[in-house]
Amino acid sequence: RAERDRIWQAFLSLSSGGDEIPDDVRTMEAGKAEEFLERVGFLPDRTLLSEVLAGLEAQNLDFKLCIDLLAAYQRQQGFCAHDVARFRRIFRRWEKQPSGPSKPGQAPAGPGLPLSCLVDTFVCALGPRAEAAGGRVMRQMYGGEGILAPSRRLGDVSGELMPFPEVLALARRTRETMQDELRTVFDRQCGMSGKLHQRSLVATLQDLSHEPRKSVLREVCEEVGV
């Protein structure tokens, strides 16, 4: 109930028409969907948002369509279809079938990813910075900094197999952790201006453990229009 009220308040604040519009016909412009997702706690991915809005086929979203938008976002854990497909290919590379018979009254378990392979999966899908971020997410999940040291020996802690939807959910948390780290570095380099100047890009990339080359940096700046 509280979650639905929070979503409704976010929708209400972004809908048009003021108090004179009845709640059952109130709508929100599709262009405000990104802000709506931020207000209910998501980090919007613009590629996924475009995919979902195209599927909804609406210029204006009523509350039911906003719920459908959230459901689609949650189903894919904030990843666009291309990224989900790539994650699934990586998952299948290391997946294993459960050993032993199923417990009485339970449906047979499907394939899963050994916990010892989780961090490697995140690195393959999200890049080398996902190793540290993924390890922190795993330590939070298992409730102790010492449990997963080193993270490669996680299989010694538990032989659990994790199904694909749960792997995708942890990948989302890992990506959010990486984005939080990037925000910290960004804010430190921006100072009070709130904007990152080109001359600060090298220092920012070095803070993120990159070794930027001027020619590559120039090409990237031209591509994104800065």
Protein backbone atom coordinates (compact mmCIF):
# COMPACT_ATOMS: atom_id res chain seq x y z
CA ARG A 1 0.00 0.00 0.00
CA ALA A 2 2.76 2.46 0.93
CA GLU A 3 4.67 1.65 -2.27
CA ARG A 4 1.59 2.24 -4.42
CA ASP A 5 0.94 5.56 -2.64
CA ARG A 6 4.52 6.65 -3.33
CA ILE A 7 4.15 5.80 -7.02
CA TRP A 8 0.80 7.60 -7.16
CA GLN A 9 2.29 10.76 -5.61
CA ALA A 10 5.13 10.73 -8.14
CA PHE A 11 2.61 10.35 -10.97
CA LEU A 12 0.37 13.05 -9.50
CA SER A 13 3.21 15.58 -9.25
CA LEU A 14 4.12 15.11 -12.93
CA SER A 15 0.63 14.87 -14.41
CA SER A 16 -0.97 17.81 -16.20
CA GLY A 17 -4.17 19.69 -15.62
CA GLY A 18 -4.11 20.57 -11.94
CA ASP A 19 -6.90 19.83 -9.47
CA GLU A 20 -9.68 20.24 -12.02
CA ILE A 21 -8.77 16.97 -13.80
CA PRO A 22 -10.43 13.86 -12.26
CA ASP A 23 -7.96 11.25 -11.05
CA ASP A 24 -9.38 8.53 -13.31
CA VAL A 25 -8.61 10.52 -16.49
CA ARG A 26 -5.39 12.18 -15.33
CA THR A 27 -2.35 11.57 -17.56
CA MET A 28 1.37 12.26 -17.64
CA GLU A 29 3.32 13.15 -20.76
CA ALA A 30 5.53 10.30 -21.95
CA GLY A 31 8.44 12.75 -22.03
CA LYS A 32 8.32 12.91 -18.22
CA ALA A 33 8.79 9.15 -17.84
CA GLU A 34 12.49 9.49 -17.06
CA GLU A 35 11.82 11.89 -14.19
CA PHE A 36 8.98 9.65 -12.99
CA LEU A 37 11.33 6.66 -12.80
CA GLU A 38 13.90 8.70 -10.87
CA ARG A 39 11.25 9.78 -8.36
CA VAL A 40 10.23 6.20 -7.63
CA GLY A 41 13.84 5.08 -7.15
CA PHE A 42 15.13 3.88 -10.53
CA LEU A 43 18.23 4.98 -12.43
CA PRO A 44 16.68 5.33 -15.90
CA ASP A 45 18.43 3.77 -18.89
CA ARG A 46 17.36 5.80 -21.91
CA THR A 47 17.68 2.90 -24.35
CA LEU A 48 15.41 0.71 -22.23
CA LEU A 49 13.03 3.62 -21.64
CA SER A 50 12.70 4.13 -25.40
CA GLU A 51 12.01 0.40 -25.87
CA VAL A 52 9.34 0.34 -23.17
CA LEU A 53 7.60 3.53 -24.33
CA ALA A 54 7.55 2.22 -27.90
CA GLY A 55 5.82 -0.91 -26.63
CA LEU A 56 3.23 1.13 -24.71
CA GLU A 57 2.44 3.15 -27.88
CA ALA A 58 1.16 6.18 -25.98
CA GLN A 59 2.06 9.87 -25.97
CA ASN A 60 0.39 10.30 -22.60
CA LEU A 61 0.46 7.78 -19.76
CA ASP A 62 -2.37 7.20 -17.33
CA PHE A 63 -1.65 5.64 -13.95
CA LYS A 64 -2.18 2.10 -15.25
CA LEU A 65 0.35 2.65 -18.03
CA CYS A 66 2.81 4.03 -15.48
CA ILE A 67 2.41 0.79 -13.51
CA ASP A 68 3.03 -1.14 -16.75
CA LEU A 69 6.14 0.99 -17.31
CA LEU A 70 7.45 0.10 -13.86
CA ALA A 71 6.65 -3.59 -14.37
CA ALA A 72 8.63 -3.66 -17.62
CA TYR A 73 11.53 -1.87 -15.95
CA GLN A 74 11.53 -4.25 -13.00
CA ARG A 75 11.26 -7.31 -15.23
CA GLN A 76 14.50 -6.34 -17.02
CA GLN A 77 16.11 -4.83 -13.90
CA GLY A 78 16.72 -1.55 -15.73
CA PHE A 79 18.71 -3.15 -18.57
CA CYS A 80 17.79 -2.74 -22.23
CA ALA A 81 16.95 -5.83 -24.31
CA HIS A 82 20.44 -5.96 -25.86
CA ASP A 83 22.11 -5.97 -22.43
CA VAL A 84 19.73 -8.63 -21.07
CA ALA A 85 20.52 -10.87 -24.06
CA ARG A 86 24.26 -10.35 -23.50
CA PHE A 87 23.89 -11.20 -19.80
CA ARG A 88 22.00 -14.36 -20.73
CA ARG A 89 24.78 -15.47 -23.08
CA ILE A 90 27.36 -14.94 -20.33
CA PHE A 91 25.11 -16.73 -17.83
CA ARG A 92 24.87 -19.77 -20.10
CA ARG A 93 28.66 -19.93 -20.37
CA TRP A 94 28.94 -20.84 -16.66
CA GLU A 95 25.52 -22.19 -15.74
CA LYS A 96 25.25 -25.59 -14.08
CA GLN A 97 22.42 -28.02 -13.48
CA PRO A 98 21.49 -28.63 -9.84
CA SER A 99 22.84 -31.83 -8.36
CA GLY A 100 20.72 -34.28 -6.44
CA PRO A 101 16.95 -34.84 -6.50
CA SER A 102 14.42 -32.12 -5.79
CA LYS A 103 12.83 -31.95 -2.35
CA PRO A 104 9.41 -33.61 -2.01
CA GLY A 105 6.63 -31.31 -3.21
CA GLN A 106 9.01 -28.93 -5.01
CA ALA A 107 9.28 -28.46 -8.76
CA PRO A 108 12.64 -29.47 -10.27
CA ALA A 109 15.12 -26.62 -10.05
CA GLY A 110 16.43 -25.14 -13.28
CA PRO A 111 20.02 -24.29 -14.17
CA GLY A 112 21.79 -21.64 -12.16
CA LEU A 113 25.07 -19.80 -11.85
CA PRO A 114 27.52 -20.95 -9.15
CA LEU A 115 28.14 -18.14 -6.70
CA SER A 116 31.87 -18.47 -7.35
CA CYS A 117 31.24 -17.25 -10.92
CA LEU A 118 29.10 -14.22 -10.09
CA VAL A 119 31.83 -11.58 -9.94
CA ASP A 120 33.42 -12.92 -13.14
CA THR A 121 30.01 -12.63 -14.81
CA PHE A 122 29.70 -9.00 -13.73
CA VAL A 123 33.20 -8.22 -15.04
CA CYS A 124 32.41 -9.79 -18.43
CA ALA A 125 29.15 -7.84 -18.72
CA LEU A 126 29.99 -4.51 -17.05
CA GLY A 127 33.75 -4.14 -17.34
CA PRO A 128 36.73 -4.42 -14.96
CA ARG A 129 35.37 -1.89 -12.44
CA ALA A 130 32.57 -4.36 -11.71
CA GLU A 131 34.99 -6.64 -9.84
CA ALA A 132 35.27 -4.35 -6.80
CA ALA A 133 31.67 -3.12 -7.02
CA GLY A 134 30.30 -6.63 -7.44
CA GLY A 135 32.33 -7.84 -4.48
CA ARG A 136 30.86 -5.08 -2.30
CA VAL A 137 27.33 -5.98 -3.39
CA MET A 138 27.97 -9.62 -2.55
CA ARG A 139 29.41 -8.77 0.86
CA GLN A 140 26.32 -6.69 1.61
CA MET A 141 24.09 -9.55 0.54
CA TYR A 142 25.85 -12.10 2.73
CA GLY A 143 26.25 -9.74 5.67
CA GLY A 144 29.96 -9.50 6.32
CA GLU A 145 33.10 -8.03 4.80
CA GLY A 146 35.18 -11.11 5.62
CA ILE A 147 32.90 -13.74 4.08
CA LEU A 148 33.87 -13.08 0.47
CA ALA A 149 37.58 -12.42 0.80
CA PRO A 150 38.69 -13.23 -1.82
CA SER A 151 35.49 -13.13 -3.86
CA ARG A 152 36.80 -15.84 -6.20
CA ARG A 153 36.44 -18.34 -3.31
CA LEU A 154 32.78 -17.60 -2.76
CA GLY A 155 31.98 -21.16 -3.82
CA ASP A 156 33.71 -22.34 -0.64
CA VAL A 157 31.08 -20.44 1.35
CA SER A 158 28.00 -21.78 -0.42
CA GLY A 159 27.26 -24.21 -3.24
CA GLU A 160 24.06 -22.39 -4.09
CA LEU A 161 23.09 -21.93 -7.73
CA MET A 162 21.53 -18.58 -8.55
CA PRO A 163 18.86 -18.42 -11.32
CA PHE A 164 19.12 -15.87 -14.08
CA PRO A 165 16.55 -13.34 -12.73
CA GLU A 166 18.44 -13.11 -9.43
CA VAL A 167 21.77 -12.74 -11.23
CA LEU A 168 20.28 -9.90 -13.26
CA ALA A 169 19.02 -8.22 -10.08
CA LEU A 170 22.50 -8.38 -8.53
CA ALA A 171 23.99 -7.05 -11.77
CA ARG A 172 21.66 -4.05 -11.47
CA ARG A 173 22.83 -3.40 -7.92
CA THR A 174 26.44 -3.72 -9.07
CA ARG A 175 25.87 -1.22 -11.87
CA GLU A 176 24.20 1.20 -9.44
CA THR A 177 27.20 0.88 -7.11
CA MET A 178 29.50 1.70 -10.03
CA GLN A 179 27.34 4.69 -10.93
CA ASP A 180 27.47 5.94 -7.34
CA GLU A 181 31.27 5.74 -7.46
CA LEU A 182 31.27 7.61 -10.76
CA ARG A 183 29.02 10.30 -9.25
CA THR A 184 31.46 10.74 -6.35
CA VAL A 185 34.39 11.20 -8.73
CA PHE A 186 32.33 13.47 -10.99
CA ASP A 187 31.28 15.71 -8.08
CA ARG A 188 34.85 15.94 -6.83
CA GLN A 189 36.13 17.07 -10.24
CA CYS A 190 33.21 19.42 -10.96
CA GLY A 191 33.34 21.38 -7.74
CA MET A 192 30.61 24.00 -7.36
CA SER A 193 29.95 24.37 -11.10
CA GLY A 194 28.17 21.03 -11.47
CA LYS A 195 29.78 20.57 -14.88
CA LEU A 196 32.84 18.65 -15.96
CA HIS A 197 35.20 20.60 -18.21
CA GLN A 198 37.23 18.86 -20.88
CA ARG A 199 40.46 19.66 -19.06
CA SER A 200 39.14 17.69 -16.07
CA LEU A 201 38.31 14.58 -18.09
CA VAL A 202 41.81 13.16 -17.87
CA ALA A 203 41.90 13.48 -14.08
CA THR A 204 38.40 11.98 -13.82
CA LEU A 205 39.32 8.98 -15.96
CA GLN A 206 42.52 8.46 -13.97
CA ASP A 207 40.47 8.49 -10.76
CA LEU A 208 38.48 5.64 -12.31
CA SER A 209 41.70 3.67 -12.97
CA HIS A 210 41.79 4.42 -16.71
CA GLU A 211 44.83 5.51 -18.71
CA PRO A 212 43.25 7.95 -21.21
CA ARG A 213 44.87 8.51 -24.59
CA LYS A 214 44.44 11.97 -26.09
CA SER A 215 43.41 10.68 -29.53
CA VAL A 216 40.73 8.40 -28.07
CA LEU A 217 39.54 11.13 -25.71
CA ARG A 218 39.20 13.55 -28.62
CA GLU A 219 37.17 11.04 -30.64
CA VAL A 220 34.84 10.35 -27.72
CA CYS A 221 34.31 14.07 -27.06
CA GLU A 222 33.43 14.61 -30.71
CA GLU A 223 31.02 11.67 -30.67
CA VAL A 224 29.08 12.94 -27.64
CA GLY A 225 29.24 16.55 -28.80
CA VAL A 226 31.36 18.18 -26.09
